[in-house]
Amino acid sequence: MFDFCDKCGGMMLPSKLSEESVLECNVCGNIKALDGDLIDDYKFTKVIKHQTNP
């Protein structure tokens, strides 16, 4: 499922704003709250990259 920004048409990406899950435009930074039905459509994950020593 994709959502697009009402202001500029950019793609809205899932983001965490403090403790609240939101959609944030990757172009202009517009923020849209994720509520009820929408929050179940998105899965938040955290990727941790480990640096290896040669």
C-alpha atoms as a PDB file:
ATOM      1  CA  MET A   1       0.000   0.000   0.000  1.00  0.00           C
ATOM      2  CA  PHE A   2       1.342   3.404  -0.958  1.00  0.00           C
ATOM      3  CA  ASP A   3       0.187   6.796   0.190  1.00  0.00           C
ATOM      4  CA  PHE A   4       1.160  10.064  -1.456  1.00  0.00           C
ATOM      5  CA  CYS A   5       1.576  13.555  -0.014  1.00  0.00           C
ATOM      6  CA  ASP A   6      -1.368  15.924  -0.381  1.00  0.00           C
ATOM      7  CA  LYS A   7       0.993  18.918  -0.662  1.00  0.00           C
ATOM      8  CA  CYS A   8       3.632  17.828  -3.197  1.00  0.00           C
ATOM      9  CA  GLY A   9       2.711  14.327  -4.399  1.00  0.00           C
ATOM     10  CA  GLY A  10       5.839  12.728  -2.888  1.00  0.00           C
ATOM     11  CA  MET A  11       5.742   9.235  -1.407  1.00  0.00           C
ATOM     12  CA  MET A  12       4.711   9.015   2.243  1.00  0.00           C
ATOM     13  CA  LEU A  13       6.998   6.696   4.219  1.00  0.00           C
ATOM     14  CA  PRO A  14       6.393   5.180   7.663  1.00  0.00           C
ATOM     15  CA  SER A  15       8.284   6.939  10.438  1.00  0.00           C
ATOM     16  CA  LYS A  16       8.338   7.179  14.227  1.00  0.00           C
ATOM     17  CA  LEU A  17       7.727  10.626  15.701  1.00  0.00           C
ATOM     18  CA  SER A  18       8.574  10.224  19.391  1.00  0.00           C
ATOM     19  CA  GLU A  19       6.221   7.365  20.352  1.00  0.00           C
ATOM     20  CA  GLU A  20       3.683   7.978  17.577  1.00  0.00           C
ATOM     21  CA  SER A  21       3.724   6.165  14.224  1.00  0.00           C
ATOM     22  CA  VAL A  22       3.245   8.549  11.296  1.00  0.00           C
ATOM     23  CA  LEU A  23       3.672   8.789   7.543  1.00  0.00           C
ATOM     24  CA  GLU A  24       6.274  11.360   6.480  1.00  0.00           C
ATOM     25  CA  CYS A  25       6.749  12.732   2.962  1.00  0.00           C
ATOM     26  CA  ASN A  26      10.218  11.961   1.604  1.00  0.00           C
ATOM     27  CA  VAL A  27      10.186  15.213  -0.428  1.00  0.00           C
ATOM     28  CA  CYS A  28       8.674  18.030   1.660  1.00  0.00           C
ATOM     29  CA  GLY A  29       8.515  16.455   5.141  1.00  0.00           C
ATOM     30  CA  ASN A  30       4.722  16.723   5.472  1.00  0.00           C
ATOM     31  CA  ILE A  31       3.443  14.461   8.274  1.00  0.00           C
ATOM     32  CA  LYS A  32       0.212  12.456   8.337  1.00  0.00           C
ATOM     33  CA  ALA A  33      -0.949  10.552  11.417  1.00  0.00           C
ATOM     34  CA  LEU A  34      -1.395   6.792  11.141  1.00  0.00           C
ATOM     35  CA  ASP A  35      -4.693   5.939  12.730  1.00  0.00           C
ATOM     36  CA  GLY A  36      -6.908   2.896  13.187  1.00  0.00           C
ATOM     37  CA  ASP A  37      -7.022   0.970   9.920  1.00  0.00           C
ATOM     38  CA  LEU A  38      -3.829   2.448   8.457  1.00  0.00           C
ATOM     39  CA  ILE A  39      -1.557   1.450  11.332  1.00  0.00           C
ATOM     40  CA  ASP A  40      -2.289  -2.244  10.733  1.00  0.00           C
ATOM     41  CA  ASP A  41      -1.071  -1.901   7.115  1.00  0.00           C
ATOM     42  CA  TYR A  42       2.475  -0.901   8.111  1.00  0.00           C
ATOM     43  CA  LYS A  43       5.187  -2.896   9.864  1.00  0.00           C
ATOM     44  CA  PHE A  44       8.020  -1.043  11.578  1.00  0.00           C
ATOM     45  CA  THR A  45      11.419  -2.707  11.791  1.00  0.00           C
ATOM     46  CA  LYS A  46      14.806  -1.546  12.956  1.00  0.00           C
ATOM     47  CA  VAL A  47      17.922  -2.627  11.077  1.00  0.00           C
ATOM     48  CA  ILE A  48      21.212  -2.663  12.934  1.00  0.00           C
ATOM     49  CA  LYS A  49      24.350  -2.785  10.808  1.00  0.00           C
ATOM     50  CA  HIS A  50      27.465  -4.173  12.428  1.00  0.00           C
ATOM     51  CA  GLN A  51      30.855  -3.004  11.338  1.00  0.00           C
ATOM     52  CA  THR A  52      33.369  -5.782  10.778  1.00  0.00           C
ATOM     53  CA  ASN A  53      37.081  -5.362  11.359  1.00  0.00           C
ATOM     54  CA  PRO A  54      39.385  -6.658   8.597  1.00  0.00           C
END
